[in-house]
Amino acid sequence: MTAPVSAAAPRTAHTADLTPAELHAIRALLDDAFDGDFSDEDFEHGLGGMHALVHDDAGLLVAHGSVVMRRVRHRDRWLRVGYVEAVAVRPDARRTGLGGRVMAELERIVDRAYDAGMLSASDEGAALYAARGWQVWSGRVCGLGLDGVVHLPDEEGGTFVRTALAGPLEPAFELVFDWRDGDVL
């Protein structure tokens, strides 16, 4: 049984302000929440931005998510996108509102600091994002690789978008994500 979770808002911190012990706790939570299917590259993708962390009353990490800046081309401009990564809730604390608390804090950051919010949802996480107003991107999804633009059809249907400072995006025009090691999205 999990310890009671504080009613306080999630703590936010930049990766640079997290201690090695906190980073280790985040990694352990992600490994546990994703049944060991969270790679080193997946973990790296969630670093370098803002983190939202929820601890129980015993001080143990029970929920986490991060938002990092990515560049995404849409129409004729490159957008500064707040890309949500590494959202997880400890298995014994799921369905208690912690994922929503983490997302509310990440959405606050996205809404005030980025042109748009985007994420790639797992099957398990898609309902949370849809319930919070994130929209499945109905257009084409691509990545900018070494040989130019590469269509990523496997990412279509699982890429979610949140309107922010740039206003609504048009699905008639593709999203072209900056390339990165491991999974592009």
N, C-alpha and C. Protein backbone atom coordinates (compact mmCIF):
# COMPACT_ATOMS: atom_id res chain seq x y z
N MET A 1 0.85 -1.17 0.00
CA MET A 1 0.00 0.00 0.00
C MET A 1 0.89 1.23 0.00
N THR A 2 0.49 2.21 -0.77
CA THR A 2 1.28 3.42 -0.88
C THR A 2 0.99 4.38 0.27
N ALA A 3 1.98 5.17 0.62
CA ALA A 3 1.79 6.19 1.65
C ALA A 3 0.89 7.28 1.09
N PRO A 4 0.15 8.00 1.94
CA PRO A 4 -0.69 9.08 1.45
C PRO A 4 0.14 10.10 0.66
N VAL A 5 -0.50 10.67 -0.35
CA VAL A 5 0.17 11.65 -1.20
C VAL A 5 -0.25 13.04 -0.77
N SER A 6 0.70 13.92 -0.66
CA SER A 6 0.45 15.29 -0.28
C SER A 6 -0.50 15.96 -1.26
N ALA A 7 -1.34 16.86 -0.77
CA ALA A 7 -2.27 17.60 -1.61
C ALA A 7 -1.59 18.79 -2.28
N ALA A 8 -0.34 19.04 -1.97
CA ALA A 8 0.38 20.17 -2.56
C ALA A 8 0.56 19.95 -4.06
N ALA A 9 0.72 21.06 -4.79
CA ALA A 9 0.98 20.98 -6.23
C ALA A 9 2.30 20.25 -6.45
N PRO A 10 2.44 19.63 -7.61
CA PRO A 10 3.73 19.00 -7.91
C PRO A 10 4.87 20.01 -7.84
N ARG A 11 6.01 19.55 -7.43
CA ARG A 11 7.21 20.39 -7.42
C ARG A 11 7.74 20.44 -8.84
N THR A 12 8.11 21.61 -9.31
CA THR A 12 8.72 21.73 -10.62
C THR A 12 10.18 22.12 -10.45
N ALA A 13 11.01 21.57 -11.32
CA ALA A 13 12.44 21.87 -11.28
C ALA A 13 13.03 21.57 -12.65
N HIS A 14 14.02 22.36 -13.02
CA HIS A 14 14.77 22.08 -14.25
C HIS A 14 15.70 20.91 -13.98
N THR A 15 16.04 20.18 -15.03
CA THR A 15 16.97 19.06 -14.89
C THR A 15 18.24 19.49 -14.15
N ALA A 16 18.74 20.68 -14.44
CA ALA A 16 19.98 21.17 -13.82
C ALA A 16 19.86 21.32 -12.31
N ASP A 17 18.61 21.43 -11.80
CA ASP A 17 18.40 21.62 -10.37
C ASP A 17 18.07 20.33 -9.63
N LEU A 18 18.03 19.21 -10.34
CA LEU A 18 17.76 17.92 -9.70
C LEU A 18 19.06 17.30 -9.21
N THR A 19 19.00 16.68 -8.06
CA THR A 19 20.19 16.01 -7.52
C THR A 19 20.37 14.66 -8.20
N PRO A 20 21.56 14.08 -8.12
CA PRO A 20 21.74 12.72 -8.64
C PRO A 20 20.75 11.72 -8.04
N ALA A 21 20.44 11.87 -6.75
CA ALA A 21 19.48 10.97 -6.11
C ALA A 21 18.09 11.14 -6.71
N GLU A 22 17.69 12.38 -7.02
CA GLU A 22 16.38 12.60 -7.64
C GLU A 22 16.33 12.02 -9.05
N LEU A 23 17.40 12.19 -9.81
CA LEU A 23 17.44 11.60 -11.15
C LEU A 23 17.37 10.08 -11.07
N HIS A 24 18.05 9.50 -10.10
CA HIS A 24 17.98 8.05 -9.91
C HIS A 24 16.55 7.62 -9.55
N ALA A 25 15.88 8.38 -8.70
CA ALA A 25 14.50 8.04 -8.32
C ALA A 25 13.56 8.15 -9.52
N ILE A 26 13.78 9.16 -10.37
CA ILE A 26 12.96 9.30 -11.57
C ILE A 26 13.16 8.10 -12.48
N ARG A 27 14.42 7.74 -12.68
CA ARG A 27 14.71 6.59 -13.56
C ARG A 27 14.10 5.31 -12.99
N ALA A 28 14.19 5.10 -11.69
CA ALA A 28 13.62 3.91 -11.07
C ALA A 28 12.10 3.89 -11.23
N LEU A 29 11.45 5.05 -11.05
CA LEU A 29 10.00 5.14 -11.24
C LEU A 29 9.62 4.78 -12.68
N LEU A 30 10.35 5.32 -13.64
CA LEU A 30 10.06 5.05 -15.05
C LEU A 30 10.26 3.58 -15.39
N ASP A 31 11.33 2.98 -14.88
CA ASP A 31 11.56 1.55 -15.12
C ASP A 31 10.42 0.72 -14.55
N ASP A 32 9.97 1.08 -13.34
CA ASP A 32 8.88 0.35 -12.70
C ASP A 32 7.57 0.56 -13.45
N ALA A 33 7.26 1.80 -13.78
CA ALA A 33 5.99 2.13 -14.43
C ALA A 33 5.88 1.53 -15.83
N PHE A 34 7.01 1.40 -16.53
CA PHE A 34 7.00 0.87 -17.89
C PHE A 34 7.48 -0.58 -17.93
N ASP A 35 7.42 -1.27 -16.80
CA ASP A 35 7.80 -2.69 -16.72
C ASP A 35 9.16 -2.98 -17.34
N GLY A 36 10.13 -2.10 -17.10
CA GLY A 36 11.48 -2.31 -17.60
C GLY A 36 11.67 -1.97 -19.07
N ASP A 37 10.63 -1.46 -19.73
CA ASP A 37 10.70 -1.15 -21.16
C ASP A 37 10.88 0.36 -21.38
N PHE A 38 11.81 0.95 -20.64
CA PHE A 38 12.13 2.36 -20.77
C PHE A 38 13.63 2.46 -20.97
N SER A 39 14.05 2.72 -22.20
CA SER A 39 15.47 2.66 -22.55
C SER A 39 16.25 3.86 -22.04
N ASP A 40 17.59 3.75 -22.12
CA ASP A 40 18.44 4.88 -21.76
C ASP A 40 18.14 6.08 -22.66
N GLU A 41 17.88 5.83 -23.95
CA GLU A 41 17.54 6.93 -24.86
C GLU A 41 16.21 7.57 -24.48
N ASP A 42 15.23 6.73 -24.09
CA ASP A 42 13.95 7.28 -23.63
C ASP A 42 14.17 8.20 -22.44
N PHE A 43 15.00 7.77 -21.50
CA PHE A 43 15.28 8.58 -20.31
C PHE A 43 15.95 9.89 -20.70
N GLU A 44 16.94 9.80 -21.58
CA GLU A 44 17.65 10.99 -22.03
C GLU A 44 16.71 11.99 -22.69
N HIS A 45 15.70 11.51 -23.42
CA HIS A 45 14.75 12.40 -24.08
C HIS A 45 13.98 13.26 -23.09
N GLY A 46 13.82 12.79 -21.87
CA GLY A 46 13.09 13.54 -20.85
C GLY A 46 13.93 14.51 -20.05
N LEU A 47 15.21 14.62 -20.39
CA LEU A 47 16.12 15.51 -19.66
C LEU A 47 16.35 16.81 -20.41
N GLY A 48 16.75 17.84 -19.68
CA GLY A 48 17.10 19.11 -20.29
C GLY A 48 15.97 20.13 -20.28
N GLY A 49 14.89 19.80 -19.59
CA GLY A 49 13.76 20.72 -19.51
C GLY A 49 13.22 20.77 -18.09
N MET A 50 11.93 21.03 -17.99
CA MET A 50 11.27 21.15 -16.69
C MET A 50 10.61 19.83 -16.31
N HIS A 51 10.70 19.50 -15.03
CA HIS A 51 10.12 18.27 -14.48
C HIS A 51 9.03 18.64 -13.49
N ALA A 52 7.98 17.83 -13.45
CA ALA A 52 6.95 17.92 -12.42
C ALA A 52 7.03 16.64 -11.61
N LEU A 53 7.20 16.76 -10.30
CA LEU A 53 7.40 15.61 -9.43
C LEU A 53 6.39 15.63 -8.29
N VAL A 54 5.79 14.47 -8.02
CA VAL A 54 4.88 14.32 -6.88
C VAL A 54 5.46 13.28 -5.95
N HIS A 55 5.55 13.62 -4.68
CA HIS A 55 6.06 12.70 -3.66
C HIS A 55 4.94 12.35 -2.69
N ASP A 56 5.04 11.15 -2.12
CA ASP A 56 4.07 10.79 -1.08
C ASP A 56 4.55 11.40 0.24
N ASP A 57 3.76 11.22 1.28
CA ASP A 57 4.09 11.84 2.57
C ASP A 57 5.37 11.28 3.18
N ALA A 58 5.82 10.12 2.69
CA ALA A 58 7.08 9.54 3.16
C ALA A 58 8.27 10.07 2.36
N GLY A 59 8.00 10.93 1.37
CA GLY A 59 9.07 11.50 0.57
C GLY A 59 9.46 10.69 -0.64
N LEU A 60 8.72 9.62 -0.95
CA LEU A 60 9.03 8.78 -2.10
C LEU A 60 8.35 9.32 -3.35
N LEU A 61 9.05 9.28 -4.47
CA LEU A 61 8.51 9.77 -5.74
C LEU A 61 7.40 8.82 -6.21
N VAL A 62 6.22 9.38 -6.49
CA VAL A 62 5.10 8.55 -6.95
C VAL A 62 4.63 8.94 -8.35
N ALA A 63 4.99 10.13 -8.84
CA ALA A 63 4.58 10.54 -10.19
C ALA A 63 5.58 11.54 -10.74
N HIS A 64 5.73 11.52 -12.06
CA HIS A 64 6.71 12.38 -12.73
C HIS A 64 6.29 12.62 -14.17
N GLY A 65 6.73 13.73 -14.70
CA GLY A 65 6.63 14.03 -16.12
C GLY A 65 7.58 15.18 -16.40
N SER A 66 7.97 15.32 -17.66
CA SER A 66 8.84 16.44 -18.01
C SER A 66 8.39 17.03 -19.34
N VAL A 67 8.80 18.25 -19.58
CA VAL A 67 8.56 18.92 -20.85
C VAL A 67 9.88 19.50 -21.31
N VAL A 68 10.27 19.16 -22.54
CA VAL A 68 11.53 19.61 -23.13
C VAL A 68 11.23 20.36 -24.42
N MET A 69 12.11 21.25 -24.80
CA MET A 69 11.92 22.01 -26.04
C MET A 69 12.39 21.19 -27.23
N ARG A 70 11.52 21.17 -28.26
CA ARG A 70 11.88 20.56 -29.55
C ARG A 70 11.48 21.52 -30.64
N ARG A 71 12.10 21.35 -31.79
CA ARG A 71 11.74 22.13 -32.98
C ARG A 71 10.90 21.25 -33.88
N VAL A 72 9.77 21.80 -34.34
CA VAL A 72 8.86 21.10 -35.24
C VAL A 72 8.46 22.08 -36.34
N ARG A 73 8.66 21.66 -37.58
CA ARG A 73 8.26 22.51 -38.70
C ARG A 73 6.79 22.24 -39.03
N HIS A 74 6.05 23.31 -39.17
CA HIS A 74 4.65 23.24 -39.59
C HIS A 74 4.42 24.40 -40.54
N ARG A 75 3.92 24.08 -41.71
CA ARG A 75 3.75 25.06 -42.77
C ARG A 75 5.11 25.65 -43.12
N ASP A 76 5.25 26.94 -42.94
CA ASP A 76 6.49 27.61 -43.36
C ASP A 76 7.33 28.11 -42.19
N ARG A 77 7.12 27.53 -41.00
CA ARG A 77 7.94 27.99 -39.87
C ARG A 77 8.27 26.84 -38.92
N TRP A 78 9.36 27.05 -38.21
CA TRP A 78 9.77 26.09 -37.17
C TRP A 78 9.19 26.58 -35.84
N LEU A 79 8.45 25.70 -35.18
CA LEU A 79 7.82 26.02 -33.91
C LEU A 79 8.70 25.58 -32.75
N ARG A 80 8.64 26.34 -31.66
CA ARG A 80 9.22 25.92 -30.39
C ARG A 80 8.14 25.11 -29.68
N VAL A 81 8.35 23.83 -29.58
CA VAL A 81 7.33 22.94 -29.03
C VAL A 81 7.75 22.45 -27.66
N GLY A 82 6.82 22.51 -26.71
CA GLY A 82 7.00 21.88 -25.41
C GLY A 82 6.59 20.42 -25.56
N TYR A 83 7.58 19.53 -25.62
CA TYR A 83 7.33 18.12 -25.87
C TYR A 83 7.30 17.38 -24.53
N VAL A 84 6.18 16.75 -24.24
CA VAL A 84 5.98 16.06 -22.96
C VAL A 84 6.61 14.67 -23.04
N GLU A 85 7.39 14.37 -22.02
CA GLU A 85 8.13 13.10 -21.96
C GLU A 85 8.00 12.48 -20.58
N ALA A 86 8.26 11.20 -20.51
CA ALA A 86 8.51 10.48 -19.25
C ALA A 86 7.42 10.68 -18.21
N VAL A 87 6.16 10.64 -18.64
CA VAL A 87 5.05 10.73 -17.70
C VAL A 87 4.80 9.34 -17.12
N ALA A 88 4.81 9.26 -15.80
CA ALA A 88 4.62 7.95 -15.15
C ALA A 88 4.09 8.14 -13.75
N VAL A 89 3.30 7.17 -13.34
CA VAL A 89 2.80 7.09 -11.97
C VAL A 89 3.14 5.71 -11.45
N ARG A 90 3.62 5.65 -10.22
CA ARG A 90 3.96 4.36 -9.62
C ARG A 90 2.74 3.45 -9.72
N PRO A 91 2.94 2.19 -10.11
CA PRO A 91 1.80 1.29 -10.35
C PRO A 91 0.79 1.21 -9.20
N ASP A 92 1.25 1.23 -7.96
CA ASP A 92 0.30 1.11 -6.84
C ASP A 92 -0.42 2.42 -6.52
N ALA A 93 -0.11 3.49 -7.25
CA ALA A 93 -0.76 4.78 -7.01
C ALA A 93 -1.55 5.26 -8.24
N ARG A 94 -1.73 4.39 -9.22
CA ARG A 94 -2.46 4.78 -10.43
C ARG A 94 -3.94 4.96 -10.13
N ARG A 95 -4.58 5.74 -11.01
CA ARG A 95 -6.02 6.00 -10.94
C ARG A 95 -6.40 6.78 -9.67
N THR A 96 -5.45 7.61 -9.20
CA THR A 96 -5.72 8.45 -8.02
C THR A 96 -5.61 9.93 -8.35
N GLY A 97 -5.48 10.29 -9.63
CA GLY A 97 -5.39 11.68 -10.04
C GLY A 97 -3.98 12.23 -10.15
N LEU A 98 -2.98 11.41 -9.85
CA LEU A 98 -1.60 11.92 -9.88
C LEU A 98 -1.13 12.27 -11.29
N GLY A 99 -1.51 11.45 -12.27
CA GLY A 99 -1.15 11.76 -13.67
C GLY A 99 -1.73 13.09 -14.10
N GLY A 100 -2.96 13.35 -13.70
CA GLY A 100 -3.59 14.63 -14.01
C GLY A 100 -2.91 15.80 -13.33
N ARG A 101 -2.45 15.60 -12.10
CA ARG A 101 -1.74 16.67 -11.39
C ARG A 101 -0.42 16.98 -12.09
N VAL A 102 0.29 15.95 -12.51
CA VAL A 102 1.55 16.16 -13.23
C VAL A 102 1.27 16.87 -14.55
N MET A 103 0.27 16.39 -15.29
CA MET A 103 -0.04 17.00 -16.58
C MET A 103 -0.49 18.45 -16.44
N ALA A 104 -1.25 18.77 -15.41
CA ALA A 104 -1.69 20.16 -15.22
C ALA A 104 -0.49 21.09 -15.09
N GLU A 105 0.52 20.65 -14.39
CA GLU A 105 1.72 21.48 -14.23
C GLU A 105 2.50 21.58 -15.54
N LEU A 106 2.62 20.48 -16.26
CA LEU A 106 3.33 20.51 -17.55
C LEU A 106 2.56 21.36 -18.56
N GLU A 107 1.23 21.28 -18.54
CA GLU A 107 0.41 22.08 -19.45
C GLU A 107 0.55 23.57 -19.14
N ARG A 108 0.65 23.92 -17.88
CA ARG A 108 0.87 25.33 -17.50
C ARG A 108 2.15 25.84 -18.15
N ILE A 109 3.19 25.03 -18.11
CA ILE A 109 4.47 25.41 -18.72
C ILE A 109 4.33 25.53 -20.23
N VAL A 110 3.72 24.54 -20.86
CA VAL A 110 3.53 24.55 -22.31
C VAL A 110 2.75 25.78 -22.73
N ASP A 111 1.62 26.03 -22.07
CA ASP A 111 0.73 27.11 -22.46
C ASP A 111 1.38 28.48 -22.39
N ARG A 112 2.32 28.66 -21.47
CA ARG A 112 2.90 29.99 -21.26
C ARG A 112 4.27 30.17 -21.90
N ALA A 113 4.89 29.06 -22.36
CA ALA A 113 6.27 29.19 -22.83
C ALA A 113 6.54 28.65 -24.23
N TYR A 114 5.57 27.98 -24.84
CA TYR A 114 5.83 27.31 -26.12
C TYR A 114 4.76 27.64 -27.16
N ASP A 115 5.14 27.48 -28.42
CA ASP A 115 4.19 27.68 -29.51
C ASP A 115 3.08 26.63 -29.51
N ALA A 116 3.42 25.41 -29.10
CA ALA A 116 2.47 24.30 -29.04
C ALA A 116 3.01 23.25 -28.09
N GLY A 117 2.13 22.37 -27.66
CA GLY A 117 2.53 21.20 -26.89
C GLY A 117 2.33 19.97 -27.74
N MET A 118 3.21 19.00 -27.62
CA MET A 118 3.09 17.75 -28.36
C MET A 118 3.62 16.61 -27.51
N LEU A 119 3.15 15.41 -27.82
CA LEU A 119 3.63 14.21 -27.16
C LEU A 119 3.26 13.00 -27.98
N SER A 120 3.93 11.91 -27.72
CA SER A 120 3.61 10.62 -28.32
C SER A 120 3.09 9.75 -27.19
N ALA A 121 1.83 9.32 -27.33
CA ALA A 121 1.18 8.61 -26.23
C ALA A 121 1.30 7.10 -26.37
N SER A 122 1.50 6.46 -25.23
CA SER A 122 1.37 5.00 -25.18
C SER A 122 -0.12 4.68 -25.22
N ASP A 123 -0.45 3.44 -25.51
CA ASP A 123 -1.85 3.04 -25.49
C ASP A 123 -2.47 3.30 -24.13
N GLU A 124 -1.70 3.06 -23.07
CA GLU A 124 -2.20 3.24 -21.71
C GLU A 124 -2.39 4.71 -21.36
N GLY A 125 -1.57 5.59 -21.91
CA GLY A 125 -1.63 7.00 -21.57
C GLY A 125 -2.57 7.83 -22.42
N ALA A 126 -2.98 7.30 -23.57
CA ALA A 126 -3.78 8.10 -24.51
C ALA A 126 -5.07 8.63 -23.89
N ALA A 127 -5.74 7.85 -23.07
CA ALA A 127 -7.01 8.29 -22.47
C ALA A 127 -6.79 9.50 -21.56
N LEU A 128 -5.69 9.51 -20.81
CA LEU A 128 -5.40 10.65 -19.93
C LEU A 128 -5.28 11.92 -20.75
N TYR A 129 -4.50 11.87 -21.83
CA TYR A 129 -4.26 13.07 -22.63
C TYR A 129 -5.54 13.53 -23.33
N ALA A 130 -6.30 12.59 -23.88
CA ALA A 130 -7.55 12.95 -24.55
C ALA A 130 -8.52 13.59 -23.56
N ALA A 131 -8.60 13.05 -22.35
CA ALA A 131 -9.51 13.59 -21.34
C ALA A 131 -9.11 15.01 -20.93
N ARG A 132 -7.85 15.36 -21.11
CA ARG A 132 -7.36 16.69 -20.72
C ARG A 132 -7.40 17.66 -21.90
N GLY A 133 -7.98 17.25 -23.02
CA GLY A 133 -8.14 18.16 -24.15
C GLY A 133 -7.05 18.11 -25.20
N TRP A 134 -6.07 17.25 -25.04
CA TRP A 134 -5.06 17.07 -26.08
C TRP A 134 -5.75 16.41 -27.27
N GLN A 135 -5.37 16.81 -28.47
CA GLN A 135 -6.01 16.30 -29.69
C GLN A 135 -5.05 15.39 -30.45
N VAL A 136 -5.58 14.26 -30.90
CA VAL A 136 -4.77 13.39 -31.77
C VAL A 136 -4.52 14.16 -33.07
N TRP A 137 -3.26 14.22 -33.49
CA TRP A 137 -2.91 14.90 -34.73
C TRP A 137 -3.41 14.06 -35.90
N SER A 138 -4.25 14.65 -36.72
CA SER A 138 -4.84 13.89 -37.83
C SER A 138 -4.05 14.02 -39.12
N GLY A 139 -3.00 14.81 -39.10
CA GLY A 139 -2.18 15.00 -40.30
C GLY A 139 -0.99 14.07 -40.34
N ARG A 140 -0.14 14.33 -41.28
CA ARG A 140 1.06 13.54 -41.53
C ARG A 140 2.14 13.89 -40.49
N VAL A 141 2.91 12.88 -40.06
CA VAL A 141 4.01 13.07 -39.10
C VAL A 141 5.31 12.63 -39.77
N CYS A 142 6.32 13.50 -39.68
CA CYS A 142 7.62 13.22 -40.31
C CYS A 142 8.74 13.62 -39.35
N GLY A 143 9.95 13.20 -39.70
CA GLY A 143 11.14 13.60 -39.00
C GLY A 143 12.16 14.11 -40.00
N LEU A 144 13.00 15.02 -39.57
CA LEU A 144 14.05 15.55 -40.44
C LEU A 144 15.31 14.73 -40.18
N GLY A 145 15.59 13.80 -41.09
CA GLY A 145 16.75 12.93 -40.96
C GLY A 145 17.94 13.44 -41.74
N LEU A 146 19.00 12.65 -41.74
CA LEU A 146 20.22 13.03 -42.45
C LEU A 146 20.00 13.13 -43.95
N ASP A 147 19.05 12.37 -44.46
CA ASP A 147 18.76 12.39 -45.90
C ASP A 147 17.53 13.22 -46.23
N GLY A 148 17.10 14.08 -45.33
CA GLY A 148 15.93 14.91 -45.57
C GLY A 148 14.74 14.46 -44.76
N VAL A 149 13.56 14.84 -45.20
CA VAL A 149 12.32 14.55 -44.49
C VAL A 149 11.94 13.08 -44.67
N VAL A 150 11.66 12.41 -43.55
CA VAL A 150 11.30 10.99 -43.53
C VAL A 150 9.89 10.87 -42.95
N HIS A 151 9.00 10.24 -43.70
CA HIS A 151 7.63 10.02 -43.22
C HIS A 151 7.66 8.99 -42.10
N LEU A 152 6.91 9.23 -41.01
CA LEU A 152 6.86 8.34 -39.85
C LEU A 152 5.42 7.85 -39.64
N PRO A 153 4.93 6.99 -40.52
CA PRO A 153 3.52 6.57 -40.43
C PRO A 153 3.16 5.87 -39.13
N ASP A 154 4.12 5.20 -38.49
CA ASP A 154 3.83 4.52 -37.22
C ASP A 154 3.51 5.50 -36.09
N GLU A 155 3.89 6.76 -36.24
CA GLU A 155 3.63 7.78 -35.22
C GLU A 155 2.27 8.44 -35.40
N GLU A 156 1.66 8.23 -36.55
CA GLU A 156 0.36 8.83 -36.81
C GLU A 156 -0.71 8.07 -36.03
N GLY A 157 -1.58 8.80 -35.41
CA GLY A 157 -2.61 8.20 -34.56
C GLY A 157 -2.23 8.18 -33.09
N GLY A 158 -0.94 8.38 -32.79
CA GLY A 158 -0.48 8.39 -31.40
C GLY A 158 0.19 9.69 -31.01
N THR A 159 0.27 10.63 -31.95
CA THR A 159 0.86 11.94 -31.68
C THR A 159 -0.26 12.89 -31.28
N PHE A 160 -0.11 13.50 -30.11
CA PHE A 160 -1.12 14.42 -29.59
C PHE A 160 -0.57 15.84 -29.62
N VAL A 161 -1.48 16.81 -29.82
CA VAL A 161 -1.11 18.21 -29.93
C VAL A 161 -1.98 19.03 -28.98
N ARG A 162 -1.38 20.04 -28.40
CA ARG A 162 -2.09 21.00 -27.54
C ARG A 162 -1.81 22.40 -28.09
N THR A 163 -2.87 23.12 -28.37
CA THR A 163 -2.74 24.49 -28.85
C THR A 163 -2.13 25.35 -27.75
N ALA A 164 -1.19 26.19 -28.13
CA ALA A 164 -0.58 27.12 -27.18
C ALA A 164 -0.38 28.46 -27.88
N LEU A 165 0.77 29.08 -27.75
CA LEU A 165 0.98 30.45 -28.22
C LEU A 165 0.81 30.63 -29.73
N ALA A 166 1.09 29.60 -30.54
CA ALA A 166 0.98 29.72 -31.99
C ALA A 166 -0.46 29.63 -32.47
N GLY A 167 -1.38 29.23 -31.60
CA GLY A 167 -2.76 29.03 -32.03
C GLY A 167 -2.93 27.68 -32.70
N PRO A 168 -4.11 27.45 -33.27
CA PRO A 168 -4.40 26.14 -33.88
C PRO A 168 -3.46 25.84 -35.05
N LEU A 169 -3.11 24.56 -35.17
CA LEU A 169 -2.28 24.09 -36.29
C LEU A 169 -3.20 23.41 -37.31
N GLU A 170 -2.78 23.40 -38.55
CA GLU A 170 -3.60 22.87 -39.64
C GLU A 170 -3.12 21.48 -40.06
N PRO A 171 -3.96 20.45 -39.86
CA PRO A 171 -3.58 19.08 -40.22
C PRO A 171 -3.30 18.87 -41.70
N ALA A 172 -3.72 19.80 -42.55
CA ALA A 172 -3.42 19.68 -43.98
C ALA A 172 -1.91 19.81 -44.22
N PHE A 173 -1.19 20.35 -43.25
CA PHE A 173 0.26 20.52 -43.36
C PHE A 173 0.94 19.60 -42.36
N GLU A 174 1.98 18.91 -42.82
CA GLU A 174 2.66 17.93 -41.97
C GLU A 174 3.40 18.57 -40.81
N LEU A 175 3.66 17.75 -39.79
CA LEU A 175 4.57 18.11 -38.71
C LEU A 175 5.89 17.44 -39.03
N VAL A 176 6.98 18.20 -39.02
CA VAL A 176 8.31 17.66 -39.25
C VAL A 176 9.13 17.88 -37.98
N PHE A 177 9.38 16.79 -37.26
CA PHE A 177 10.10 16.86 -35.98
C PHE A 177 11.61 16.85 -36.21
N ASP A 178 12.33 17.56 -35.34
CA ASP A 178 13.78 17.47 -35.33
C ASP A 178 14.17 16.01 -35.02
N TRP A 179 15.25 15.57 -35.61
CA TRP A 179 15.69 14.19 -35.43
C TRP A 179 16.42 14.04 -34.10
N ARG A 180 16.35 12.85 -33.50
CA ARG A 180 17.11 12.56 -32.29
C ARG A 180 17.39 11.07 -32.27
N ASP A 181 18.38 10.67 -31.48
CA ASP A 181 18.72 9.26 -31.37
C ASP A 181 17.57 8.49 -30.74
N GLY A 182 17.47 7.22 -31.07
CA GLY A 182 16.40 6.39 -30.54
C GLY A 182 15.11 6.70 -31.28
N ASP A 183 14.00 6.61 -30.58
CA ASP A 183 12.72 6.94 -31.19
C ASP A 183 12.68 8.43 -31.46
N VAL A 184 12.29 8.81 -32.68
CA VAL A 184 12.22 10.23 -33.02
C VAL A 184 11.14 10.91 -32.19
N LEU A 185 10.01 10.22 -32.01
CA LEU A 185 8.92 10.77 -31.19
C LEU A 185 8.80 10.02 -29.90
